[in-house]
Structure formats: structure tokens, C-alpha cells
């Protein structure tokens, strides 16, 4: 029986929608990364062969890196793809592991919402001040608003993962490799 078969039909449908949204965010991150590779190639070729670098390449690289990072966050939180050093694997087993995972999920949701709220405040301040990037004069609030949206979406996905976990008492959800620690 697969992981989805054990979920309530509404949860399974929400999981499908969330997974599709996470996949869309990953596609956007891949496109941004491809853009970043192309920009770097054009900038290096222009700089060393034609003595004409791309104007504002540093800003574009910074914005692209932020886009790549923050568009991958929702999928990371939904699928629990964080880098984990599993020194104490016994902590993730059985009912104790379920309770610990539930507590970590709750703490993660609260922490990510706090970060998203702070970033949202920065976006509002950048909009009110008319803050722009130095070379290309791109309005900063546009970039920070997208970052804020991705952080909020990440918090929602982390909460959804916690809800799925809460509805399966004593059963830990699969980790990033799909490995499920057996119930004791």
C-alpha cells in the first residue's frame, strides 16, 4: 500500500495540488538557474574576448541566486528535503519519533512564518521608500515580494506536512529518500 493510499481523500487531493505547486516552483527555479548559467557565459565571453561585460551582471546574479534559492524552498518544505545529519536515528522511531517530528514541524512552521513576516515588512518598506537596485534600477519590492511569497508558501507546505503527520498517529512520514522508518 502506498503512502497516498493511507491518507484521507481530501488530504490526498491537497497533497496532489501542493505537489504540483511545488513542481511548478522547481521548474521556475530551474529556468532561473539556466538563465544564470547563460548570463555567466555571456558575461565571461563579453568580458574576456570583447572587453565588454554585461552591465549590472552582479545584480542580476544576486537576484538570480535569490530566485533559485527561494523558489526551491516550497518543495523542500513539502517533501522534507532538508539536509539532515542523522546521528540519533533512534529518535525518529515509533511514537517518540512521531511526537518529536510533530514538535519539529510545529516549530518549523512558526519559525518560517516569523521569517516571512520580517521579509514582508522589508518588502513594504522597500515599496514605500521606492528602493531600487544600484545599477539597473530594478524596484527592490518586486524581488522581495516574490521572496516573501515563496517563504509564506514554504510555511504553508511545512504546516501541511505537519497536518499529514498529525493525522497518522505513531507513523512517521517518509523522509527525503522515501525511506520510512518502520513502526515499532
N, C-alpha and C. Protein backbone atom coordinates (compact mmCIF):
# COMPACT_ATOMS: atom_id res chain seq x y z
N UNK A 1 0.85 -1.18 0.00
CA UNK A 1 0.00 0.00 0.00
C UNK A 1 0.89 1.24 0.00
N UNK A 2 0.62 2.15 -0.88
CA UNK A 2 1.48 3.33 -0.98
C UNK A 2 1.14 4.36 0.08
N UNK A 3 2.02 5.37 0.16
CA UNK A 3 1.87 6.44 1.15
C UNK A 3 0.56 7.20 0.96
N UNK A 4 0.16 7.41 -0.29
CA UNK A 4 -1.03 8.20 -0.59
C UNK A 4 -2.30 7.42 -0.25
N UNK A 5 -2.26 6.09 -0.34
CA UNK A 5 -3.44 5.28 -0.09
C UNK A 5 -3.91 5.38 1.36
N UNK A 6 -3.02 5.72 2.28
CA UNK A 6 -3.38 5.79 3.70
C UNK A 6 -4.01 7.12 4.07
N UNK A 7 -3.93 8.11 3.21
CA UNK A 7 -4.44 9.45 3.51
C UNK A 7 -5.93 9.54 3.23
N UNK A 8 -6.59 10.46 3.95
CA UNK A 8 -7.98 10.80 3.69
C UNK A 8 -8.04 11.37 2.27
N UNK A 9 -9.14 11.16 1.52
CA UNK A 9 -9.22 11.65 0.14
C UNK A 9 -8.97 13.16 0.01
N UNK A 10 -9.44 13.95 0.98
CA UNK A 10 -9.21 15.40 0.92
C UNK A 10 -7.72 15.71 1.09
N UNK A 11 -7.06 15.02 2.02
CA UNK A 11 -5.63 15.22 2.24
C UNK A 11 -4.85 14.76 1.00
N UNK A 12 -5.26 13.65 0.40
CA UNK A 12 -4.58 13.16 -0.80
C UNK A 12 -4.72 14.17 -1.94
N UNK A 13 -5.91 14.77 -2.07
CA UNK A 13 -6.12 15.79 -3.12
C UNK A 13 -5.28 17.03 -2.85
N UNK A 14 -5.27 17.49 -1.59
CA UNK A 14 -4.44 18.64 -1.23
C UNK A 14 -2.96 18.35 -1.43
N UNK A 15 -2.56 17.12 -1.14
CA UNK A 15 -1.17 16.72 -1.35
C UNK A 15 -0.82 16.76 -2.83
N UNK A 16 -1.75 16.34 -3.67
CA UNK A 16 -1.53 16.37 -5.11
C UNK A 16 -1.40 17.82 -5.60
N UNK A 17 -2.28 18.70 -5.13
CA UNK A 17 -2.22 20.11 -5.52
C UNK A 17 -0.92 20.74 -5.04
N UNK A 18 -0.57 20.48 -3.78
CA UNK A 18 0.66 21.04 -3.22
C UNK A 18 1.88 20.52 -3.97
N UNK A 19 1.86 19.25 -4.32
CA UNK A 19 2.97 18.67 -5.06
C UNK A 19 3.11 19.31 -6.44
N UNK A 20 1.98 19.56 -7.10
CA UNK A 20 2.02 20.23 -8.41
C UNK A 20 2.55 21.66 -8.28
N UNK A 21 2.12 22.36 -7.22
CA UNK A 21 2.62 23.71 -7.00
C UNK A 21 4.12 23.70 -6.71
N UNK A 22 4.57 22.73 -5.93
CA UNK A 22 6.00 22.61 -5.63
C UNK A 22 6.79 22.30 -6.89
N UNK A 23 6.23 21.43 -7.75
CA UNK A 23 6.89 21.13 -9.02
C UNK A 23 6.99 22.37 -9.91
N UNK A 24 5.95 23.18 -9.93
CA UNK A 24 5.97 24.43 -10.69
C UNK A 24 7.05 25.37 -10.16
N UNK A 25 7.15 25.47 -8.85
CA UNK A 25 8.21 26.30 -8.26
C UNK A 25 9.59 25.77 -8.64
N UNK A 26 9.75 24.45 -8.66
CA UNK A 26 11.04 23.87 -9.05
C UNK A 26 11.36 24.14 -10.51
N UNK A 27 10.35 24.11 -11.37
CA UNK A 27 10.56 24.42 -12.78
C UNK A 27 11.01 25.87 -12.93
N UNK A 28 10.38 26.78 -12.20
CA UNK A 28 10.80 28.19 -12.24
C UNK A 28 12.24 28.32 -11.75
N UNK A 29 12.59 27.61 -10.67
CA UNK A 29 13.97 27.65 -10.16
C UNK A 29 14.95 27.12 -11.19
N UNK A 30 14.56 26.08 -11.91
CA UNK A 30 15.44 25.53 -12.96
C UNK A 30 15.62 26.53 -14.11
N UNK A 31 14.55 27.19 -14.48
CA UNK A 31 14.64 28.20 -15.55
C UNK A 31 15.54 29.35 -15.11
N UNK A 32 15.41 29.78 -13.86
CA UNK A 32 16.26 30.84 -13.33
C UNK A 32 17.72 30.39 -13.32
N UNK A 33 17.96 29.14 -12.94
CA UNK A 33 19.32 28.61 -12.92
C UNK A 33 19.90 28.54 -14.34
N UNK A 34 19.08 28.13 -15.29
CA UNK A 34 19.52 28.11 -16.69
C UNK A 34 19.85 29.53 -17.16
N UNK A 35 19.01 30.50 -16.81
CA UNK A 35 19.27 31.91 -17.11
C UNK A 35 20.60 32.35 -16.50
N UNK A 36 20.85 31.92 -15.27
CA UNK A 36 22.08 32.29 -14.57
C UNK A 36 23.30 31.73 -15.27
N UNK A 37 23.22 30.50 -15.74
CA UNK A 37 24.32 29.89 -16.48
C UNK A 37 24.57 30.66 -17.79
N UNK A 38 23.49 30.97 -18.50
CA UNK A 38 23.63 31.73 -19.74
C UNK A 38 24.20 33.12 -19.50
N UNK A 39 23.72 33.78 -18.47
CA UNK A 39 24.22 35.12 -18.13
C UNK A 39 25.71 35.08 -17.81
N UNK A 40 26.12 34.07 -17.03
CA UNK A 40 27.53 33.94 -16.68
C UNK A 40 28.38 33.69 -17.91
N UNK A 41 27.93 32.84 -18.80
CA UNK A 41 28.68 32.57 -20.04
C UNK A 41 28.81 33.83 -20.88
N UNK A 42 27.71 34.52 -21.09
CA UNK A 42 27.74 35.75 -21.89
C UNK A 42 28.64 36.80 -21.24
N UNK A 43 28.55 36.92 -19.93
CA UNK A 43 29.37 37.90 -19.21
C UNK A 43 30.85 37.57 -19.31
N UNK A 44 31.21 36.30 -19.14
CA UNK A 44 32.63 35.91 -19.22
C UNK A 44 33.16 36.09 -20.64
N UNK A 45 32.40 35.66 -21.62
CA UNK A 45 32.84 35.82 -23.02
C UNK A 45 32.95 37.30 -23.37
N UNK A 46 31.95 38.08 -22.98
CA UNK A 46 32.00 39.51 -23.26
C UNK A 46 33.13 40.21 -22.54
N UNK A 47 33.40 39.81 -21.32
CA UNK A 47 34.44 40.44 -20.52
C UNK A 47 35.84 40.13 -21.05
N UNK A 48 36.11 38.87 -21.38
CA UNK A 48 37.47 38.48 -21.73
C UNK A 48 37.78 38.52 -23.22
N UNK A 49 36.78 38.39 -24.06
CA UNK A 49 37.06 38.40 -25.50
C UNK A 49 36.70 39.72 -26.17
N UNK A 50 35.71 40.41 -25.66
CA UNK A 50 35.26 41.65 -26.30
C UNK A 50 35.44 42.88 -25.42
N UNK A 51 35.99 42.69 -24.24
CA UNK A 51 36.20 43.79 -23.29
C UNK A 51 34.92 44.57 -23.01
N UNK A 52 33.80 43.85 -23.01
CA UNK A 52 32.50 44.49 -22.79
C UNK A 52 31.63 43.58 -21.91
N UNK A 53 31.76 43.68 -20.58
CA UNK A 53 30.95 42.82 -19.70
C UNK A 53 29.49 43.24 -19.72
N UNK A 54 28.65 42.36 -19.25
CA UNK A 54 27.23 42.66 -19.15
C UNK A 54 27.03 43.70 -18.04
N UNK A 55 26.34 44.78 -18.37
CA UNK A 55 26.09 45.85 -17.39
C UNK A 55 25.12 45.32 -16.33
N UNK A 56 25.50 45.47 -15.09
CA UNK A 56 24.64 45.03 -13.99
C UNK A 56 24.64 43.54 -13.77
N UNK A 57 25.66 42.84 -14.28
CA UNK A 57 25.71 41.38 -14.14
C UNK A 57 25.73 40.97 -12.67
N UNK A 58 26.40 41.73 -11.84
CA UNK A 58 26.46 41.38 -10.42
C UNK A 58 25.07 41.40 -9.80
N UNK A 59 24.29 42.43 -10.11
CA UNK A 59 22.93 42.50 -9.59
C UNK A 59 22.07 41.36 -10.12
N UNK A 60 22.20 41.08 -11.40
CA UNK A 60 21.41 40.01 -12.00
C UNK A 60 21.77 38.65 -11.40
N UNK A 61 23.06 38.45 -11.12
CA UNK A 61 23.48 37.20 -10.50
C UNK A 61 22.91 37.10 -9.08
N UNK A 62 22.95 38.19 -8.33
CA UNK A 62 22.40 38.17 -6.98
C UNK A 62 20.90 37.89 -6.99
N UNK A 63 20.19 38.53 -7.88
CA UNK A 63 18.74 38.33 -7.98
C UNK A 63 18.44 36.89 -8.43
N UNK A 64 19.22 36.40 -9.37
CA UNK A 64 19.01 35.03 -9.86
C UNK A 64 19.31 34.00 -8.79
N UNK A 65 20.35 34.22 -8.02
CA UNK A 65 20.66 33.29 -6.93
C UNK A 65 19.53 33.28 -5.89
N UNK A 66 19.03 34.47 -5.57
CA UNK A 66 17.91 34.54 -4.63
C UNK A 66 16.70 33.80 -5.19
N UNK A 67 16.43 33.99 -6.48
CA UNK A 67 15.31 33.30 -7.11
C UNK A 67 15.47 31.79 -7.06
N UNK A 68 16.66 31.31 -7.36
CA UNK A 68 16.92 29.87 -7.33
C UNK A 68 16.71 29.31 -5.93
N UNK A 69 17.22 30.01 -4.95
CA UNK A 69 17.11 29.54 -3.57
C UNK A 69 15.66 29.56 -3.09
N UNK A 70 15.00 30.69 -3.27
CA UNK A 70 13.67 30.83 -2.67
C UNK A 70 12.57 30.12 -3.46
N UNK A 71 12.78 29.85 -4.75
CA UNK A 71 11.78 29.07 -5.48
C UNK A 71 11.92 27.57 -5.20
N UNK A 72 13.04 27.14 -4.63
CA UNK A 72 13.16 25.73 -4.26
C UNK A 72 12.65 25.45 -2.85
N UNK A 73 12.50 26.49 -2.04
CA UNK A 73 12.05 26.31 -0.65
C UNK A 73 10.71 25.59 -0.49
N UNK A 74 9.67 25.96 -1.25
CA UNK A 74 8.39 25.27 -1.03
C UNK A 74 8.47 23.76 -1.22
N UNK A 75 9.17 23.31 -2.26
CA UNK A 75 9.30 21.87 -2.48
C UNK A 75 10.11 21.23 -1.36
N UNK A 76 11.13 21.93 -0.90
CA UNK A 76 11.96 21.41 0.18
C UNK A 76 11.13 21.20 1.45
N UNK A 77 10.28 22.16 1.79
CA UNK A 77 9.49 22.03 3.00
C UNK A 77 8.36 21.01 2.83
N UNK A 78 7.78 20.92 1.65
CA UNK A 78 6.71 19.95 1.43
C UNK A 78 7.23 18.52 1.49
N UNK A 79 8.38 18.30 0.89
CA UNK A 79 8.92 16.94 0.77
C UNK A 79 9.95 16.60 1.83
N UNK A 80 10.19 17.52 2.75
CA UNK A 80 11.15 17.31 3.83
C UNK A 80 12.53 16.97 3.26
N UNK A 81 12.99 17.80 2.33
CA UNK A 81 14.27 17.57 1.66
C UNK A 81 15.42 18.32 2.30
N UNK A 82 15.28 18.71 3.55
CA UNK A 82 16.36 19.42 4.21
C UNK A 82 17.56 18.49 4.39
N UNK A 83 18.72 19.10 4.48
CA UNK A 83 19.92 18.32 4.77
C UNK A 83 19.84 17.89 6.23
N UNK A 84 19.95 16.58 6.44
CA UNK A 84 19.79 16.03 7.78
C UNK A 84 21.02 15.21 8.12
N UNK A 85 21.58 15.46 9.27
CA UNK A 85 22.64 14.61 9.80
C UNK A 85 21.98 13.71 10.82
N UNK A 86 21.85 12.46 10.47
CA UNK A 86 21.08 11.53 11.29
C UNK A 86 21.99 10.81 12.29
N UNK A 87 22.43 11.55 13.31
CA UNK A 87 23.29 10.96 14.33
C UNK A 87 22.50 10.09 15.30
N UNK A 88 21.27 10.47 15.53
CA UNK A 88 20.45 9.77 16.50
C UNK A 88 19.19 9.25 15.81
N UNK A 89 19.34 8.21 15.00
CA UNK A 89 18.21 7.69 14.23
C UNK A 89 17.12 7.10 15.13
N UNK A 90 17.50 6.66 16.34
CA UNK A 90 16.51 6.08 17.24
C UNK A 90 15.46 7.11 17.67
N UNK A 91 15.80 8.41 17.56
CA UNK A 91 14.87 9.47 17.96
C UNK A 91 13.71 9.56 16.97
N UNK A 92 13.89 9.07 15.75
CA UNK A 92 12.84 9.16 14.73
C UNK A 92 11.99 7.90 14.65
N UNK A 93 12.07 7.02 15.62
CA UNK A 93 11.35 5.75 15.54
C UNK A 93 10.15 5.74 16.47
N UNK A 94 9.11 5.07 16.03
CA UNK A 94 7.94 4.81 16.86
C UNK A 94 7.18 6.07 17.27
N UNK A 95 6.47 5.94 18.38
CA UNK A 95 5.64 7.04 18.87
C UNK A 95 6.49 8.23 19.27
N UNK A 96 7.64 7.97 19.88
CA UNK A 96 8.51 9.06 20.29
C UNK A 96 8.98 9.85 19.06
N UNK A 97 9.35 9.14 18.00
CA UNK A 97 9.76 9.79 16.75
C UNK A 97 8.64 10.60 16.14
N UNK A 98 7.41 10.07 16.25
CA UNK A 98 6.26 10.80 15.71
C UNK A 98 6.05 12.09 16.49
N UNK A 99 6.13 12.04 17.81
CA UNK A 99 5.95 13.23 18.64
C UNK A 99 7.05 14.24 18.37
N UNK A 100 8.30 13.77 18.30
CA UNK A 100 9.43 14.67 18.02
C UNK A 100 9.26 15.31 16.64
N UNK A 101 8.88 14.53 15.64
CA UNK A 101 8.67 15.07 14.30
C UNK A 101 7.55 16.09 14.28
N UNK A 102 6.49 15.83 15.03
CA UNK A 102 5.37 16.76 15.11
C UNK A 102 5.79 18.07 15.77
N UNK A 103 6.57 17.99 16.84
CA UNK A 103 7.06 19.19 17.51
C UNK A 103 7.98 19.98 16.58
N UNK A 104 8.90 19.29 15.90
CA UNK A 104 9.79 19.97 14.96
C UNK A 104 9.01 20.62 13.83
N UNK A 105 7.96 19.96 13.39
CA UNK A 105 7.12 20.52 12.33
C UNK A 105 6.45 21.81 12.79
N UNK A 106 5.91 21.79 14.00
CA UNK A 106 5.26 22.98 14.55
C UNK A 106 6.26 24.13 14.71
N UNK A 107 7.43 23.82 15.26
CA UNK A 107 8.47 24.85 15.43
C UNK A 107 8.91 25.40 14.07
N UNK A 108 9.02 24.53 13.09
CA UNK A 108 9.41 24.96 11.75
C UNK A 108 8.39 25.92 11.16
N UNK A 109 7.11 25.59 11.27
CA UNK A 109 6.06 26.45 10.73
C UNK A 109 6.09 27.82 11.40
N UNK A 110 6.21 27.84 12.71
CA UNK A 110 6.24 29.12 13.43
C UNK A 110 7.47 29.93 13.02
N UNK A 111 8.63 29.28 12.97
CA UNK A 111 9.86 29.99 12.61
C UNK A 111 9.81 30.55 11.20
N UNK A 112 9.29 29.76 10.26
CA UNK A 112 9.22 30.21 8.87
C UNK A 112 8.21 31.35 8.73
N UNK A 113 7.09 31.30 9.45
CA UNK A 113 6.14 32.41 9.42
C UNK A 113 6.76 33.69 9.99
N UNK A 114 7.57 33.56 11.03
CA UNK A 114 8.23 34.74 11.60
C UNK A 114 9.20 35.34 10.57
N UNK A 115 9.97 34.49 9.91
CA UNK A 115 10.90 34.97 8.89
C UNK A 115 10.13 35.61 7.74
N UNK A 116 9.04 34.98 7.31
CA UNK A 116 8.24 35.53 6.21
C UNK A 116 7.66 36.89 6.59
N UNK A 117 7.23 37.03 7.84
CA UNK A 117 6.68 38.30 8.29
C UNK A 117 7.75 39.40 8.27
N UNK A 118 8.95 39.07 8.67
CA UNK A 118 10.05 40.05 8.65
C UNK A 118 10.39 40.45 7.22
N UNK A 119 10.44 39.48 6.33
CA UNK A 119 10.76 39.77 4.93
C UNK A 119 9.63 40.58 4.30
N UNK A 120 8.38 40.29 4.67
CA UNK A 120 7.25 41.08 4.18
C UNK A 120 7.37 42.53 4.62
N UNK A 121 7.76 42.74 5.88
CA UNK A 121 7.97 44.11 6.36
C UNK A 121 9.04 44.83 5.53
N UNK A 122 10.10 44.09 5.19
CA UNK A 122 11.15 44.69 4.36
C UNK A 122 10.62 45.03 2.96
N UNK A 123 9.77 44.17 2.40
CA UNK A 123 9.19 44.44 1.08
C UNK A 123 8.32 45.69 1.12
N UNK A 124 7.52 45.83 2.17
CA UNK A 124 6.66 47.01 2.31
C UNK A 124 7.52 48.26 2.45
N UNK A 125 8.56 48.17 3.26
CA UNK A 125 9.46 49.33 3.43
C UNK A 125 10.15 49.70 2.12
N UNK A 126 10.58 48.70 1.35
CA UNK A 126 11.22 48.97 0.06
C UNK A 126 10.24 49.62 -0.91
N UNK A 127 8.97 49.21 -0.86
CA UNK A 127 7.95 49.80 -1.72
C UNK A 127 7.67 51.25 -1.30
N UNK A 128 7.53 51.47 0.00
CA UNK A 128 7.26 52.83 0.49
C UNK A 128 8.41 53.78 0.19
N UNK A 129 9.65 53.29 0.31
CA UNK A 129 10.82 54.13 0.09
C UNK A 129 11.19 54.27 -1.39
N UNK A 130 10.58 53.46 -2.24
CA UNK A 130 10.93 53.48 -3.66
C UNK A 130 12.35 52.97 -3.89
N UNK A 131 12.77 52.02 -3.06
CA UNK A 131 14.13 51.47 -3.11
C UNK A 131 14.35 50.72 -4.42
N UNK A 132 15.50 50.99 -5.07
CA UNK A 132 15.84 50.34 -6.34
C UNK A 132 17.26 49.82 -6.26
N UNK A 133 17.58 48.87 -7.15
CA UNK A 133 18.94 48.36 -7.21
C UNK A 133 19.87 49.44 -7.75
N UNK A 134 21.15 49.30 -7.49
CA UNK A 134 22.11 50.37 -7.78
C UNK A 134 22.30 50.61 -9.28
N UNK A 135 22.57 49.57 -10.05
CA UNK A 135 22.93 49.75 -11.46
C UNK A 135 21.74 49.71 -12.40
N UNK A 136 20.87 48.74 -12.22
CA UNK A 136 19.78 48.53 -13.17
C UNK A 136 18.47 49.20 -12.74
N UNK A 137 18.43 49.73 -11.54
CA UNK A 137 17.26 50.45 -11.01
C UNK A 137 15.99 49.60 -11.03
N UNK A 138 16.16 48.32 -10.69
CA UNK A 138 15.02 47.41 -10.58
C UNK A 138 14.40 47.67 -9.21
N UNK A 139 13.08 47.89 -9.14
CA UNK A 139 12.45 48.11 -7.83
C UNK A 139 12.65 46.88 -6.93
N UNK A 140 13.23 47.11 -5.77
CA UNK A 140 13.53 46.03 -4.85
C UNK A 140 12.29 45.33 -4.32
N UNK A 141 11.19 46.05 -4.20
CA UNK A 141 9.99 45.43 -3.62
C UNK A 141 9.47 44.30 -4.50
N UNK A 142 9.72 44.36 -5.81
CA UNK A 142 9.28 43.27 -6.68
C UNK A 142 10.01 41.97 -6.34
N UNK A 143 11.30 42.08 -6.16
CA UNK A 143 12.12 40.91 -5.85
C UNK A 143 11.77 40.38 -4.46
N UNK A 144 11.71 41.28 -3.50
CA UNK A 144 11.45 40.87 -2.12
C UNK A 144 10.02 40.35 -1.96
N UNK A 145 9.09 40.85 -2.76
CA UNK A 145 7.71 40.34 -2.70
C UNK A 145 7.65 38.90 -3.17
N UNK A 146 8.37 38.57 -4.23
CA UNK A 146 8.42 37.18 -4.69
C UNK A 146 9.07 36.29 -3.63
N UNK A 147 10.13 36.78 -3.03
CA UNK A 147 10.79 36.02 -1.97
C UNK A 147 9.82 35.79 -0.81
N UNK A 148 9.09 36.84 -0.44
CA UNK A 148 8.11 36.73 0.64
C UNK A 148 7.04 35.69 0.31
N UNK A 149 6.54 35.73 -0.90
CA UNK A 149 5.51 34.77 -1.31
C UNK A 149 6.03 33.34 -1.21
N UNK A 150 7.27 33.12 -1.63
CA UNK A 150 7.83 31.77 -1.57
C UNK A 150 8.06 31.32 -0.13
N UNK A 151 8.43 32.24 0.75
CA UNK A 151 8.62 31.86 2.16
C UNK A 151 7.27 31.54 2.80
N UNK A 152 6.24 32.34 2.51
CA UNK A 152 4.90 32.02 3.04
C UNK A 152 4.41 30.68 2.50
N UNK A 153 4.62 30.43 1.22
CA UNK A 153 4.21 29.16 0.64
C UNK A 153 4.97 28.00 1.30
N UNK A 154 6.23 28.22 1.60
CA UNK A 154 7.02 27.21 2.30
C UNK A 154 6.44 26.92 3.68
N UNK A 155 6.03 27.96 4.37
CA UNK A 155 5.43 27.77 5.70
C UNK A 155 4.12 26.99 5.59
N UNK A 156 3.32 27.31 4.59
CA UNK A 156 2.06 26.59 4.39
C UNK A 156 2.34 25.12 4.09
N UNK A 157 3.33 24.86 3.25
CA UNK A 157 3.66 23.47 2.92
C UNK A 157 4.22 22.72 4.13
N UNK A 158 5.02 23.40 4.94
CA UNK A 158 5.52 22.77 6.17
C UNK A 158 4.35 22.46 7.10
N UNK A 159 3.40 23.37 7.19
CA UNK A 159 2.21 23.13 8.00
C UNK A 159 1.38 21.98 7.46
N UNK A 160 1.27 21.90 6.15
CA UNK A 160 0.53 20.81 5.54
C UNK A 160 1.20 19.47 5.82
N UNK A 161 2.53 19.44 5.75
CA UNK A 161 3.25 18.22 6.07
C UNK A 161 3.02 17.84 7.53
N UNK A 162 3.02 18.84 8.42
CA UNK A 162 2.74 18.57 9.82
C UNK A 162 1.33 18.04 10.03
N UNK A 163 0.37 18.59 9.27
CA UNK A 163 -1.02 18.11 9.35
C UNK A 163 -1.11 16.65 8.90
N UNK A 164 -0.43 16.33 7.81
CA UNK A 164 -0.42 14.94 7.35
C UNK A 164 0.17 14.02 8.41
N UNK A 165 1.21 14.50 9.08
CA UNK A 165 1.84 13.70 10.12
C UNK A 165 0.91 13.54 11.32
N UNK A 166 0.21 14.62 11.67
CA UNK A 166 -0.69 14.59 12.82
C UNK A 166 -1.84 13.61 12.59
N UNK A 167 -2.28 13.48 11.35
CA UNK A 167 -3.39 12.59 11.04
C UNK A 167 -2.97 11.12 10.94
N UNK A 168 -1.70 10.84 11.16
CA UNK A 168 -1.18 9.47 11.17
C UNK A 168 -0.47 9.21 12.49
N UNK A 169 -1.19 9.10 13.56
CA UNK A 169 -0.54 8.94 14.87
C UNK A 169 0.39 7.73 14.90
N UNK A 170 1.58 7.99 15.41
CA UNK A 170 2.57 6.92 15.57
C UNK A 170 3.29 6.52 14.32
N UNK A 171 2.97 7.14 13.20
CA UNK A 171 3.59 6.78 11.92
C UNK A 171 4.34 7.98 11.37
N UNK A 172 5.64 7.82 11.19
CA UNK A 172 6.46 8.90 10.65
C UNK A 172 6.35 8.89 9.14
N UNK A 173 6.20 10.06 8.54
CA UNK A 173 6.13 10.15 7.08
C UNK A 173 7.47 9.78 6.48
N UNK A 174 7.49 9.38 5.22
CA UNK A 174 8.77 9.04 4.58
C UNK A 174 9.69 10.26 4.57
N UNK A 175 10.99 9.99 4.66
CA UNK A 175 11.95 11.08 4.59
C UNK A 175 12.23 11.42 3.13
N UNK A 176 13.25 12.22 2.90
CA UNK A 176 13.52 12.72 1.55
C UNK A 176 13.87 11.62 0.56
N UNK A 177 14.30 10.46 1.02
CA UNK A 177 14.63 9.37 0.11
C UNK A 177 13.45 8.43 -0.08
N UNK A 178 12.35 8.69 0.61
CA UNK A 178 11.20 7.81 0.53
C UNK A 178 11.27 6.67 1.53
N UNK A 179 12.34 6.64 2.32
CA UNK A 179 12.52 5.59 3.32
C UNK A 179 11.63 5.87 4.52
N UNK A 180 10.89 4.91 4.92
CA UNK A 180 10.02 5.05 6.08
C UNK A 180 10.59 4.17 7.19
N UNK A 181 10.75 4.76 8.34
CA UNK A 181 11.20 4.00 9.49
C UNK A 181 10.03 3.19 9.99
N UNK A 182 10.19 1.88 10.11
CA UNK A 182 9.04 1.04 10.48
C UNK A 182 8.52 1.36 11.87
N UNK A 183 7.22 1.16 12.01
CA UNK A 183 6.54 1.36 13.29
C UNK A 183 6.96 0.24 14.26
N UNK A 184 7.18 0.61 15.48
CA UNK A 184 7.55 -0.40 16.48
C UNK A 184 6.34 -0.99 17.13
